[in-house]
């Protein structure tokens, strides 16, 4: 089984702007599709979606809702579907 990390990209914010995990669109164990929105983060008044890095099942959630996170943080892991 290959695990793909769900990584928060650099959103171009300064170090003094908090980034908060707002909502997961899938629960652990649910099937996800590459490119579909997987987790929403709040950056000040704006929201951004982080897409699933691969098609498979959401194996782990590391960034829970209301957690403060930084660019490059691993928010979760997707167990990639075997091709």
C-alpha atoms as a PDB file:
ATOM      1  CA  UNK A   1       0.000   0.000   0.000  1.00  0.00           C
ATOM      2  CA  UNK A   2       1.373   3.388  -1.036  1.00  0.00           C
ATOM      3  CA  UNK A   3       0.534   6.364   1.192  1.00  0.00           C
ATOM      4  CA  UNK A   4       0.297   9.834  -0.346  1.00  0.00           C
ATOM      5  CA  UNK A   5       0.584  12.853   1.958  1.00  0.00           C
ATOM      6  CA  UNK A   6      -2.052  15.592   1.925  1.00  0.00           C
ATOM      7  CA  UNK A   7       0.231  18.629   2.165  1.00  0.00           C
ATOM      8  CA  UNK A   8      -0.853  22.206   2.817  1.00  0.00           C
ATOM      9  CA  UNK A   9       0.652  24.254  -0.020  1.00  0.00           C
ATOM     10  CA  UNK A  10       2.248  27.648   0.451  1.00  0.00           C
ATOM     11  CA  UNK A  11      -0.679  30.045   0.170  1.00  0.00           C
ATOM     12  CA  UNK A  12       1.511  33.153   0.028  1.00  0.00           C
ATOM     13  CA  UNK A  13       0.611  34.329   3.509  1.00  0.00           C
ATOM     14  CA  UNK A  14       2.995  35.944   5.934  1.00  0.00           C
ATOM     15  CA  UNK A  15       4.149  34.207   9.116  1.00  0.00           C
ATOM     16  CA  UNK A  16       1.777  36.322  11.217  1.00  0.00           C
ATOM     17  CA  UNK A  17      -1.370  35.125   9.378  1.00  0.00           C
ATOM     18  CA  UNK A  18      -2.903  32.056  11.065  1.00  0.00           C
ATOM     19  CA  UNK A  19      -4.068  29.143   8.919  1.00  0.00           C
ATOM     20  CA  UNK A  20      -6.772  26.983  10.508  1.00  0.00           C
ATOM     21  CA  UNK A  21      -8.165  23.628   9.378  1.00  0.00           C
ATOM     22  CA  UNK A  22     -11.843  24.345   8.823  1.00  0.00           C
ATOM     23  CA  UNK A  23     -13.528  21.236   7.413  1.00  0.00           C
ATOM     24  CA  UNK A  24     -12.745  17.761   6.082  1.00  0.00           C
ATOM     25  CA  UNK A  25     -14.949  16.684   3.172  1.00  0.00           C
ATOM     26  CA  UNK A  26     -14.234  12.978   3.836  1.00  0.00           C
ATOM     27  CA  UNK A  27     -13.932  10.831   6.945  1.00  0.00           C
ATOM     28  CA  UNK A  28     -11.164   8.362   7.680  1.00  0.00           C
ATOM     29  CA  UNK A  29     -11.693   5.230   5.580  1.00  0.00           C
ATOM     30  CA  UNK A  30     -13.806   6.935   2.911  1.00  0.00           C
ATOM     31  CA  UNK A  31     -12.910   6.766  -0.763  1.00  0.00           C
ATOM     32  CA  UNK A  32     -11.469   9.942  -2.286  1.00  0.00           C
ATOM     33  CA  UNK A  33     -10.569  10.889  -5.858  1.00  0.00           C
ATOM     34  CA  UNK A  34      -7.397  12.637  -6.986  1.00  0.00           C
ATOM     35  CA  UNK A  35      -7.942  16.370  -7.440  1.00  0.00           C
ATOM     36  CA  UNK A  36     -11.247  16.525  -5.555  1.00  0.00           C
ATOM     37  CA  UNK A  37     -11.403  18.923  -2.633  1.00  0.00           C
ATOM     38  CA  UNK A  38     -10.499  17.068   0.524  1.00  0.00           C
ATOM     39  CA  UNK A  39      -9.932  19.624   3.269  1.00  0.00           C
ATOM     40  CA  UNK A  40     -10.767  23.303   3.664  1.00  0.00           C
ATOM     41  CA  UNK A  41      -8.517  25.764   5.490  1.00  0.00           C
ATOM     42  CA  UNK A  42      -9.248  29.301   6.668  1.00  0.00           C
ATOM     43  CA  UNK A  43      -6.718  32.054   6.046  1.00  0.00           C
ATOM     44  CA  UNK A  44      -8.073  35.213   7.607  1.00  0.00           C
ATOM     45  CA  UNK A  45     -11.458  35.833   5.959  1.00  0.00           C
ATOM     46  CA  UNK A  46     -10.692  33.554   2.959  1.00  0.00           C
ATOM     47  CA  UNK A  47     -11.090  29.804   2.535  1.00  0.00           C
ATOM     48  CA  UNK A  48      -8.938  27.496   0.425  1.00  0.00           C
ATOM     49  CA  UNK A  49      -9.472  23.861  -0.542  1.00  0.00           C
ATOM     50  CA  UNK A  50      -6.643  21.334  -0.475  1.00  0.00           C
ATOM     51  CA  UNK A  51      -7.198  18.564  -3.066  1.00  0.00           C
ATOM     52  CA  UNK A  52      -6.678  14.829  -2.628  1.00  0.00           C
ATOM     53  CA  UNK A  53      -3.204  13.895  -3.927  1.00  0.00           C
ATOM     54  CA  UNK A  54      -4.343  10.489  -5.206  1.00  0.00           C
ATOM     55  CA  UNK A  55      -7.381   8.262  -5.678  1.00  0.00           C
ATOM     56  CA  UNK A  56      -7.830   5.839  -2.799  1.00  0.00           C
ATOM     57  CA  UNK A  57      -9.011   5.856   0.803  1.00  0.00           C
ATOM     58  CA  UNK A  58      -8.376   8.518   3.436  1.00  0.00           C
ATOM     59  CA  UNK A  59      -6.113   6.564   5.770  1.00  0.00           C
ATOM     60  CA  UNK A  60      -5.269   9.197   8.378  1.00  0.00           C
ATOM     61  CA  UNK A  61      -6.257  12.701   9.434  1.00  0.00           C
ATOM     62  CA  UNK A  62      -3.450  14.603  11.165  1.00  0.00           C
ATOM     63  CA  UNK A  63      -4.758  18.167  10.924  1.00  0.00           C
ATOM     64  CA  UNK A  64      -8.020  18.163  12.843  1.00  0.00           C
ATOM     65  CA  UNK A  65     -10.681  20.848  12.524  1.00  0.00           C
ATOM     66  CA  UNK A  66      -9.692  24.065  14.370  1.00  0.00           C
ATOM     67  CA  UNK A  67      -5.964  23.096  14.388  1.00  0.00           C
ATOM     68  CA  UNK A  68      -3.473  25.817  13.467  1.00  0.00           C
ATOM     69  CA  UNK A  69      -1.234  24.619  10.622  1.00  0.00           C
ATOM     70  CA  UNK A  70       1.675  25.975   8.587  1.00  0.00           C
ATOM     71  CA  UNK A  71       2.487  25.709   4.883  1.00  0.00           C
ATOM     72  CA  UNK A  72       4.105  22.343   4.164  1.00  0.00           C
ATOM     73  CA  UNK A  73       2.262  20.614   7.023  1.00  0.00           C
ATOM     74  CA  UNK A  74       1.023  17.083   6.408  1.00  0.00           C
ATOM     75  CA  UNK A  75      -2.732  17.267   7.004  1.00  0.00           C
ATOM     76  CA  UNK A  76      -3.454  13.603   6.332  1.00  0.00           C
ATOM     77  CA  UNK A  77      -2.583  10.494   4.354  1.00  0.00           C
ATOM     78  CA  UNK A  78      -4.356   8.819   1.444  1.00  0.00           C
ATOM     79  CA  UNK A  79      -3.843   5.100   0.797  1.00  0.00           C
ATOM     80  CA  UNK A  80      -3.524   5.147  -2.995  1.00  0.00           C
ATOM     81  CA  UNK A  81      -5.623   2.670  -4.958  1.00  0.00           C
ATOM     82  CA  UNK A  82      -3.638  -0.072  -6.693  1.00  0.00           C
ATOM     83  CA  UNK A  83      -3.553   0.415 -10.443  1.00  0.00           C
END
